[in-house]
Amino acid sequence: MKNMFLMAAIAISVFSCQNQKIGFVDNGTIINDYQEKKDVEAKFQIKEEAFRKRADSISQAFQLEAQTTQAEAQKIAPSNRKKAEELMGGLQQKQQILQQQIQFEQQQLTQEFQAQIDSLIVKVKDYVKDYGKTNGYTYILGTSDAAASVMYGADENDLTQTVLEALNASYDE
């Protein structure tokens, strides 16, 4: 009797497994080839270039000011050393403030970019989830070079290009 129940349970699990529809996607390809990600990267590349130009401009202006201040400090009589030291001290303080400001702006830019990429990844995950539900998949597995959860998959189960094309088609620029 126990054997009959065991055989029935095995038969049910074999038949139920045969009805499952499983596919997989290459996470890296979908994220990196998604047009919205390319657009986000292009937008931030422009912002980063503008930031670099602004930082270079500030740096050049400071260098000019530093040269002028050093020249002034050298002209001051040795008897008034304190005034020369105050000039140079003020210059160092200004340099630190400028460096902190540039570093802060760079961090802000990096955080803004990362937040948009994180949001985009969530959007892609949700899209793949909806794609799976809509198309009757029991599972859609994700893989990438960094974390290969799918060691092998038959080409007909690789949904990467299909999902990527549908995802890009749904993206309104």
Protein backbone atom coordinates (compact mmCIF):
# COMPACT_ATOMS: atom_id res chain seq x y z
CA MET A 1 0.00 0.00 0.00
CA LYS A 2 2.83 2.40 0.89
CA ASN A 3 4.52 1.60 -2.41
CA MET A 4 1.35 2.46 -4.31
CA PHE A 5 1.12 5.87 -2.65
CA LEU A 6 4.81 6.47 -3.32
CA MET A 7 4.42 5.51 -6.99
CA ALA A 8 1.36 7.77 -7.29
CA ALA A 9 3.25 10.69 -5.74
CA ILE A 10 6.18 10.18 -8.12
CA ALA A 11 3.85 9.94 -11.12
CA ILE A 12 2.04 13.14 -10.12
CA SER A 13 5.30 15.05 -9.67
CA VAL A 14 6.64 13.79 -13.03
CA PHE A 15 3.47 14.79 -14.86
CA SER A 16 3.28 18.17 -13.13
CA CYS A 17 6.93 18.90 -14.01
CA GLN A 18 6.23 18.19 -17.64
CA ASN A 19 3.60 20.95 -17.68
CA GLN A 20 6.01 23.60 -16.41
CA LYS A 21 7.32 26.15 -18.85
CA ILE A 22 10.83 27.31 -17.98
CA GLY A 23 13.02 29.88 -19.69
CA PHE A 24 16.08 31.90 -18.87
CA VAL A 25 17.56 35.30 -19.64
CA ASP A 26 21.07 36.70 -19.54
CA ASN A 27 20.70 39.51 -16.99
CA GLY A 28 23.80 41.34 -18.17
CA THR A 29 22.71 41.39 -21.80
CA ILE A 30 19.20 42.55 -20.97
CA ILE A 31 20.38 45.35 -18.69
CA ASN A 32 23.32 46.50 -20.82
CA ASP A 33 21.48 46.37 -24.15
CA TYR A 34 18.30 47.98 -22.84
CA GLN A 35 17.88 51.30 -24.64
CA GLU A 36 16.75 53.16 -21.53
CA LYS A 37 20.01 52.23 -19.76
CA LYS A 38 21.99 53.44 -22.75
CA ASP A 39 20.04 56.71 -22.64
CA VAL A 40 20.64 57.10 -18.89
CA GLU A 41 24.36 56.49 -19.39
CA ALA A 42 24.52 58.99 -22.27
CA LYS A 43 22.70 61.63 -20.18
CA PHE A 44 25.07 61.14 -17.26
CA GLN A 45 28.09 61.17 -19.51
CA ILE A 46 27.04 64.66 -20.62
CA LYS A 47 26.52 65.69 -16.98
CA GLU A 48 29.88 64.24 -16.00
CA GLU A 49 31.64 66.04 -18.85
CA ALA A 50 30.02 69.33 -17.80
CA PHE A 51 31.08 68.65 -14.20
CA ARG A 52 34.68 67.94 -15.29
CA LYS A 53 34.81 71.15 -17.33
CA ARG A 54 33.45 73.14 -14.38
CA ALA A 55 35.92 71.49 -11.99
CA ASP A 56 38.82 72.13 -14.38
CA SER A 57 37.74 75.76 -14.73
CA ILE A 58 37.59 76.18 -10.96
CA SER A 59 40.97 74.49 -10.63
CA GLN A 60 42.57 76.74 -13.24
CA ALA A 61 41.11 79.85 -11.62
CA PHE A 62 42.44 78.70 -8.26
CA GLN A 63 45.89 78.01 -9.72
CA LEU A 64 45.97 81.53 -11.13
CA GLU A 65 44.90 82.95 -7.77
CA ALA A 66 47.53 80.81 -6.01
CA GLN A 67 50.27 82.11 -8.26
CA THR A 68 49.16 85.69 -7.68
CA THR A 69 48.99 85.16 -3.91
CA GLN A 70 52.42 83.52 -3.82
CA ALA A 71 53.87 86.41 -5.78
CA GLU A 72 52.30 88.86 -3.30
CA ALA A 73 53.60 86.84 -0.35
CA GLN A 74 57.13 86.94 -1.76
CA LYS A 75 56.96 90.73 -2.17
CA ILE A 76 56.12 91.23 1.49
CA ALA A 77 59.09 92.34 3.55
CA PRO A 78 60.72 89.65 5.69
CA SER A 79 59.88 91.71 8.75
CA ASN A 80 56.14 91.21 8.02
CA ARG A 81 56.28 87.39 7.79
CA LYS A 82 53.00 87.04 9.64
CA LYS A 83 51.07 88.74 6.84
CA ALA A 84 52.66 86.41 4.24
CA GLU A 85 51.74 83.39 6.35
CA GLU A 86 48.15 84.64 6.65
CA LEU A 87 47.92 85.00 2.87
CA MET A 88 49.22 81.48 2.31
CA GLY A 89 47.01 80.06 5.09
CA GLY A 90 43.94 81.63 3.51
CA LEU A 91 44.96 80.13 0.19
CA GLN A 92 45.23 76.64 1.70
CA GLN A 93 41.87 77.02 3.38
CA LYS A 94 40.26 78.06 0.10
CA GLN A 95 41.88 75.08 -1.65
CA GLN A 96 40.40 72.68 0.91
CA ILE A 97 36.94 74.22 0.54
CA LEU A 98 37.10 73.95 -3.26
CA GLN A 99 38.25 70.33 -3.07
CA GLN A 100 35.42 69.47 -0.69
CA GLN A 101 32.89 71.20 -2.93
CA ILE A 102 34.11 69.32 -6.01
CA GLN A 103 34.13 66.02 -4.14
CA PHE A 104 30.59 66.64 -2.85
CA GLU A 105 29.29 67.43 -6.35
CA GLN A 106 30.97 64.31 -7.73
CA GLN A 107 29.36 62.16 -5.02
CA GLN A 108 25.96 63.70 -5.76
CA LEU A 109 26.35 62.91 -9.44
CA THR A 110 27.41 59.33 -8.70
CA GLN A 111 24.52 58.80 -6.28
CA GLU A 112 22.00 60.19 -8.76
CA PHE A 113 23.33 57.89 -11.49
CA GLN A 114 23.27 54.84 -9.21
CA ALA A 115 19.71 55.59 -8.09
CA GLN A 116 18.55 55.73 -11.71
CA ILE A 117 20.37 52.48 -12.56
CA ASP A 118 18.87 50.76 -9.50
CA SER A 119 15.41 51.97 -10.52
CA LEU A 120 16.00 50.71 -14.03
CA ILE A 121 17.04 47.25 -12.76
CA VAL A 122 13.83 47.02 -10.72
CA LYS A 123 11.87 48.03 -13.82
CA VAL A 124 13.55 45.28 -15.88
CA LYS A 125 12.90 42.67 -13.18
CA ASP A 126 9.24 43.67 -13.05
CA TYR A 127 9.01 43.52 -16.83
CA VAL A 128 10.50 40.00 -16.94
CA LYS A 129 8.10 38.93 -14.18
CA ASP A 130 5.12 40.29 -16.11
CA TYR A 131 6.44 38.74 -19.34
CA GLY A 132 6.61 35.37 -17.61
CA LYS A 133 3.08 35.62 -16.24
CA THR A 134 1.64 36.83 -19.55
CA ASN A 135 3.36 34.10 -21.57
CA GLY A 136 2.62 31.21 -19.22
CA TYR A 137 6.08 30.60 -17.79
CA THR A 138 6.39 28.81 -14.49
CA TYR A 139 9.96 30.07 -14.09
CA ILE A 140 12.24 32.51 -15.85
CA LEU A 141 15.73 32.12 -14.48
CA GLY A 142 18.40 34.79 -14.67
CA THR A 143 22.06 34.27 -15.39
CA SER A 144 25.15 36.35 -16.03
CA ASP A 145 28.89 35.89 -16.25
CA ALA A 146 29.28 37.01 -12.65
CA ALA A 147 26.59 34.72 -11.20
CA ALA A 148 25.84 31.79 -13.47
CA SER A 149 22.71 30.26 -11.96
CA VAL A 150 21.96 28.63 -15.33
CA MET A 151 24.91 26.46 -16.25
CA TYR A 152 23.24 25.20 -19.40
CA GLY A 153 20.02 25.97 -21.17
CA ALA A 154 18.74 24.87 -24.54
CA ASP A 155 18.69 27.71 -27.05
CA GLU A 156 14.93 27.48 -27.43
CA ASN A 157 14.60 28.30 -23.72
CA ASP A 158 16.84 31.37 -23.96
CA LEU A 159 14.45 34.31 -23.82
CA THR A 160 17.14 36.99 -23.66
CA GLN A 161 16.66 38.48 -27.14
CA THR A 162 12.89 38.03 -27.10
CA VAL A 163 12.52 39.82 -23.76
CA LEU A 164 15.08 42.49 -24.71
CA GLU A 165 13.26 43.28 -27.95
CA ALA A 166 9.91 43.46 -26.14
CA LEU A 167 11.43 45.59 -23.38
CA ASN A 168 12.99 48.01 -25.86
CA ALA A 169 9.72 48.15 -27.81
CA SER A 170 7.89 49.14 -24.63
CA TYR A 171 10.39 51.90 -23.82
CA ASP A 172 9.06 55.30 -24.72
CA GLU A 173 11.94 57.73 -25.03
